[in-house]
């Protein structure tokens, strides 16, 4: 399938903006769950874009940068997974696995930019000492432009490769490799949740975790509810969290009131 220059340019612009958003705008536009359907709309398949974006989001939900160490980049990975799924006809799980090398390229691009910008911090300190806010702005704009360009070029290069050679490459890959890609792509979303739980889960919340898991299994088993299972579980989780918040708030308020003995003025 051939794509117009407008579609290709739109892919570049979307990638450019998402790359900047990841570190500067911080509006979560770069998240795969947002980029997937957006790229899918540009390429004419919103449904596939939404499925791939959600699958990739589950995989990266626990990834987070620690200091200068960067995880595989979610912007390029999510966009390339969607491109592969639509242009090459890969299943969503296989497309997610196939996009990992490109996510690593994004990781290297971010590391390269950070290395390049490190010496610029001395200049930024000098601008701050001079109260030259415009100079600091220029450094930030330069970094954003470089990052957006790196990501846009990487995606465009492999977008052309995917659009031109994707189907041929897919047909040349043995079936057992494709099955392995699908299996690994399916497994990655569970790995993402495991990483998230390791970082965030408290011992006091294990009961809620197992309760939510059981509710998800029960709701998903009902064919009439399986389509909206995620929304239903989210609403149940919100209701429990809000109820717990109210109880904890009242409990803390009662402690404060109990501690207020009225003072010593009345002799009691």
Protein backbone atom coordinates (compact mmCIF):
# COMPACT_ATOMS: atom_id res chain seq x y z
CA UNK A 1 0.00 0.00 0.00
CA UNK A 2 1.34 3.40 -0.97
CA UNK A 3 1.07 6.38 1.34
CA UNK A 4 0.83 10.02 0.33
CA UNK A 5 3.35 12.70 1.16
CA UNK A 6 0.74 14.23 3.50
CA UNK A 7 0.56 11.02 5.54
CA UNK A 8 4.34 10.69 5.71
CA UNK A 9 4.73 14.34 6.71
CA UNK A 10 2.00 13.90 9.33
CA UNK A 11 3.88 10.91 10.79
CA UNK A 12 7.01 13.06 11.07
CA UNK A 13 5.14 15.96 12.72
CA UNK A 14 3.37 13.69 15.20
CA UNK A 15 6.66 11.99 16.12
CA UNK A 16 8.41 15.36 16.44
CA UNK A 17 5.75 16.68 18.83
CA UNK A 18 5.59 13.44 20.84
CA UNK A 19 9.37 13.42 21.31
CA UNK A 20 9.28 16.94 22.74
CA UNK A 21 6.23 16.15 24.86
CA UNK A 22 8.02 13.26 26.55
CA UNK A 23 10.55 15.58 28.23
CA UNK A 24 9.16 19.12 27.92
CA UNK A 25 5.39 19.43 27.43
CA UNK A 26 4.62 16.52 29.78
CA UNK A 27 1.02 16.26 28.56
CA UNK A 28 1.29 12.46 28.05
CA UNK A 29 0.66 12.89 24.32
CA UNK A 30 3.68 10.66 23.71
CA UNK A 31 2.12 7.66 25.46
CA UNK A 32 1.50 4.68 23.11
CA UNK A 33 -2.18 4.61 24.03
CA UNK A 34 -2.45 8.12 22.52
CA UNK A 35 0.04 7.76 19.68
CA UNK A 36 -1.32 4.38 18.51
CA UNK A 37 -4.79 5.52 17.40
CA UNK A 38 -3.39 8.84 16.15
CA UNK A 39 -0.86 7.12 13.87
CA UNK A 40 -3.56 4.62 12.95
CA UNK A 41 -5.84 7.48 11.89
CA UNK A 42 -3.09 8.91 9.70
CA UNK A 43 -2.49 5.52 8.07
CA UNK A 44 -6.21 4.77 7.74
CA UNK A 45 -6.69 2.11 10.44
CA UNK A 46 -7.67 3.60 13.80
CA UNK A 47 -8.83 0.27 15.24
CA UNK A 48 -5.46 -1.44 14.72
CA UNK A 49 -3.69 1.64 16.05
CA UNK A 50 -5.77 1.57 19.23
CA UNK A 51 -5.15 -2.15 19.81
CA UNK A 52 -1.39 -1.88 19.21
CA UNK A 53 -1.11 1.30 21.28
CA UNK A 54 -2.92 -0.29 24.23
CA UNK A 55 -0.77 -3.44 23.95
CA UNK A 56 2.45 -1.43 23.90
CA UNK A 57 1.21 0.76 26.78
CA UNK A 58 0.78 -2.31 28.97
CA UNK A 59 4.34 -3.35 28.21
CA UNK A 60 5.83 0.05 29.11
CA UNK A 61 3.61 0.89 32.06
CA UNK A 62 6.36 0.09 34.56
CA UNK A 63 9.27 1.60 32.63
CA UNK A 64 10.69 4.79 34.04
CA UNK A 65 13.98 6.65 33.71
CA UNK A 66 16.24 6.59 36.76
CA UNK A 67 18.68 9.48 36.66
CA UNK A 68 20.43 9.43 33.31
CA UNK A 69 19.50 5.80 32.58
CA UNK A 70 16.79 5.62 29.93
CA UNK A 71 14.47 2.67 29.23
CA UNK A 72 13.64 1.66 25.63
CA UNK A 73 11.86 4.69 24.21
CA UNK A 74 8.07 4.43 24.24
CA UNK A 75 7.58 7.10 21.56
CA UNK A 76 9.44 5.37 18.74
CA UNK A 77 8.50 1.90 19.95
CA UNK A 78 4.77 2.65 20.06
CA UNK A 79 4.74 4.44 16.71
CA UNK A 80 6.81 1.77 14.96
CA UNK A 81 4.67 -1.03 16.40
CA UNK A 82 1.61 0.65 14.90
CA UNK A 83 3.38 1.19 11.57
CA UNK A 84 4.42 -2.47 11.39
CA UNK A 85 0.96 -3.72 12.31
CA UNK A 86 -0.73 -1.61 9.61
CA UNK A 87 1.81 -1.61 6.78
CA UNK A 88 3.15 -5.15 7.18
CA UNK A 89 0.02 -6.79 8.54
CA UNK A 90 1.72 -8.09 11.69
CA UNK A 91 -0.48 -9.19 14.61
CA UNK A 92 -0.42 -6.61 17.45
CA UNK A 93 1.71 -8.75 19.78
CA UNK A 94 4.24 -9.53 17.03
CA UNK A 95 4.33 -5.86 16.00
CA UNK A 96 5.10 -4.85 19.59
CA UNK A 97 7.98 -7.33 19.76
CA UNK A 98 9.30 -6.25 16.35
CA UNK A 99 9.34 -2.61 17.46
CA UNK A 100 11.69 -3.22 20.42
CA UNK A 101 14.90 -2.67 18.39
CA UNK A 102 13.57 0.70 17.26
CA UNK A 103 12.67 1.59 20.84
CA UNK A 104 16.30 0.88 21.69
CA UNK A 105 17.38 3.27 18.93
CA UNK A 106 15.25 5.91 20.59
CA UNK A 107 16.93 5.12 23.89
CA UNK A 108 20.33 5.64 22.25
CA UNK A 109 19.11 8.88 20.67
CA UNK A 110 18.03 10.27 24.05
CA UNK A 111 21.33 9.25 25.64
CA UNK A 112 23.24 10.88 22.78
CA UNK A 113 21.28 14.11 23.20
CA UNK A 114 21.86 14.15 26.96
CA UNK A 115 25.58 13.65 26.36
CA UNK A 116 25.65 16.43 23.79
CA UNK A 117 23.73 18.85 26.03
CA UNK A 118 25.78 18.21 29.18
CA UNK A 119 28.52 20.73 28.29
CA UNK A 120 25.78 23.23 27.45
CA UNK A 121 24.77 23.34 31.11
CA UNK A 122 27.86 25.44 31.86
CA UNK A 123 26.58 27.98 29.35
CA UNK A 124 23.12 27.80 30.89
CA UNK A 125 24.63 28.53 34.32
CA UNK A 126 26.38 31.54 32.82
CA UNK A 127 23.10 32.76 31.33
CA UNK A 128 21.41 32.30 34.71
CA UNK A 129 24.18 34.30 36.40
CA UNK A 130 23.60 37.07 33.85
CA UNK A 131 19.79 36.81 34.27
CA UNK A 132 19.65 36.11 30.53
CA UNK A 133 16.40 34.14 30.29
CA UNK A 134 16.37 34.32 26.49
CA UNK A 135 19.72 32.51 26.35
CA UNK A 136 18.35 29.71 28.53
CA UNK A 137 15.27 29.55 26.32
CA UNK A 138 17.46 29.14 23.23
CA UNK A 139 19.29 26.19 24.82
CA UNK A 140 16.00 24.50 25.67
CA UNK A 141 14.56 25.10 22.21
CA UNK A 142 17.73 23.72 20.65
CA UNK A 143 17.49 20.53 22.70
CA UNK A 144 13.82 20.10 21.83
CA UNK A 145 14.47 20.64 18.11
CA UNK A 146 17.34 18.12 18.09
CA UNK A 147 15.34 15.49 19.95
CA UNK A 148 12.28 15.89 17.73
CA UNK A 149 14.40 15.72 14.59
CA UNK A 150 16.25 12.58 15.74
CA UNK A 151 13.00 10.78 16.53
CA UNK A 152 11.29 11.97 13.36
CA UNK A 153 14.16 10.87 11.11
CA UNK A 154 14.40 7.44 12.78
CA UNK A 155 10.68 6.81 12.40
CA UNK A 156 10.63 8.02 8.79
CA UNK A 157 13.57 5.83 7.78
CA UNK A 158 11.99 2.72 9.19
CA UNK A 159 8.53 3.83 8.11
CA UNK A 160 9.71 3.77 4.50
CA UNK A 161 11.37 0.42 5.10
CA UNK A 162 8.25 -0.96 6.72
CA UNK A 163 5.95 0.33 4.00
CA UNK A 164 8.16 -0.91 1.17
CA UNK A 165 9.65 -4.13 2.47
CA UNK A 166 7.42 -5.02 5.39
CA UNK A 167 5.21 -7.57 3.69
CA UNK A 168 8.14 -9.18 1.86
CA UNK A 169 10.10 -9.40 5.09
CA UNK A 170 7.10 -10.85 6.92
CA UNK A 171 6.59 -13.56 4.32
CA UNK A 172 10.31 -14.45 4.48
CA UNK A 173 10.31 -14.93 8.27
CA UNK A 174 9.76 -18.58 9.30
CA UNK A 175 6.50 -19.34 11.06
CA UNK A 176 8.23 -20.44 14.26
CA UNK A 177 9.93 -17.04 14.55
CA UNK A 178 6.61 -15.25 14.03
CA UNK A 179 5.06 -17.44 16.74
CA UNK A 180 7.95 -16.55 19.04
CA UNK A 181 7.45 -12.84 18.37
CA UNK A 182 3.75 -13.15 19.14
CA UNK A 183 4.44 -15.06 22.36
CA UNK A 184 7.08 -12.57 23.52
CA UNK A 185 4.84 -9.62 22.66
CA UNK A 186 2.01 -11.17 24.67
CA UNK A 187 4.32 -11.77 27.63
CA UNK A 188 5.75 -8.23 27.68
CA UNK A 189 2.57 -6.61 28.98
CA UNK A 190 2.72 -8.86 32.04
CA UNK A 191 6.37 -7.98 32.52
CA UNK A 192 5.37 -4.30 32.44
CA UNK A 193 2.81 -4.82 35.20
CA UNK A 194 5.31 -6.84 37.22
CA UNK A 195 7.83 -3.98 37.08
CA UNK A 196 5.12 -1.51 38.11
CA UNK A 197 4.00 -3.66 41.03
CA UNK A 198 7.56 -4.13 42.24
CA UNK A 199 8.01 -0.37 42.46
CA UNK A 200 4.59 0.75 43.71
CA UNK A 201 2.78 -2.06 45.47
CA UNK A 202 2.54 -1.87 49.26
CA UNK A 203 1.91 -4.87 51.47
CA UNK A 204 -1.26 -3.20 52.69
CA UNK A 205 -2.65 -3.23 49.13
CA UNK A 206 -2.17 -6.91 48.25
CA UNK A 207 -5.80 -7.62 49.12
CA UNK A 208 -7.01 -5.02 46.64
CA UNK A 209 -4.71 -6.44 43.97
CA UNK A 210 -6.00 -10.00 44.30
CA UNK A 211 -9.58 -8.76 44.59
CA UNK A 212 -9.20 -6.75 41.39
CA UNK A 213 -7.62 -9.71 39.60
CA UNK A 214 -10.50 -12.00 40.65
CA UNK A 215 -13.07 -9.40 39.57
CA UNK A 216 -11.36 -9.05 36.18
CA UNK A 217 -11.48 -12.82 35.62
CA UNK A 218 -15.14 -13.03 36.63
CA UNK A 219 -16.23 -10.07 34.50
CA UNK A 220 -14.19 -11.20 31.48
CA UNK A 221 -15.76 -14.67 31.68
CA UNK A 222 -19.17 -13.10 31.02
CA UNK A 223 -19.33 -12.61 27.27
CA UNK A 224 -21.87 -9.79 27.59
CA UNK A 225 -19.49 -7.83 29.86
CA UNK A 226 -16.10 -8.78 28.44
CA UNK A 227 -16.03 -5.87 25.97
CA UNK A 228 -16.32 -3.30 28.77
CA UNK A 229 -14.44 -5.30 31.42
CA UNK A 230 -11.60 -2.78 31.75
CA UNK A 231 -14.00 0.12 32.27
CA UNK A 232 -16.06 -1.81 34.79
CA UNK A 233 -13.01 -2.84 36.81
CA UNK A 234 -11.72 0.74 36.72
CA UNK A 235 -15.05 2.03 38.08
CA UNK A 236 -15.07 -0.61 40.81
CA UNK A 237 -11.49 0.29 41.71
CA UNK A 238 -12.37 3.99 41.85
CA UNK A 239 -15.36 3.27 44.09
CA UNK A 240 -13.25 1.22 46.52
CA UNK A 241 -10.45 3.82 46.53
CA UNK A 242 -12.91 6.66 47.17
CA UNK A 243 -14.60 4.70 49.94
CA UNK A 244 -11.21 3.97 51.54
CA UNK A 245 -10.28 7.66 51.26
CA UNK A 246 -13.46 8.70 53.05
CA UNK A 247 -12.91 6.15 55.84
CA UNK A 248 -9.28 7.19 56.31
CA UNK A 249 -10.23 10.88 56.33
CA UNK A 250 -12.91 10.34 58.98
CA UNK A 251 -10.52 8.20 61.02
CA UNK A 252 -7.83 10.90 61.00
CA UNK A 253 -10.40 13.58 61.86
CA UNK A 254 -11.64 11.55 64.81
CA UNK A 255 -8.07 11.21 66.10
CA UNK A 256 -7.59 14.98 65.92
CA UNK A 257 -10.87 15.62 67.74
CA UNK A 258 -10.01 13.06 70.41
CA UNK A 259 -6.67 14.73 70.99
CA UNK A 260 -8.39 18.13 71.48
CA UNK A 261 -9.33 17.99 75.20
CA UNK A 262 -10.59 21.59 75.31
CA UNK A 263 -7.61 23.00 77.20
CA UNK A 264 -7.25 23.74 80.89
CA UNK A 265 -9.24 26.96 81.13
CA UNK A 266 -12.43 25.28 82.42
CA UNK A 267 -10.55 23.01 84.81
CA UNK A 268 -11.70 19.82 83.08
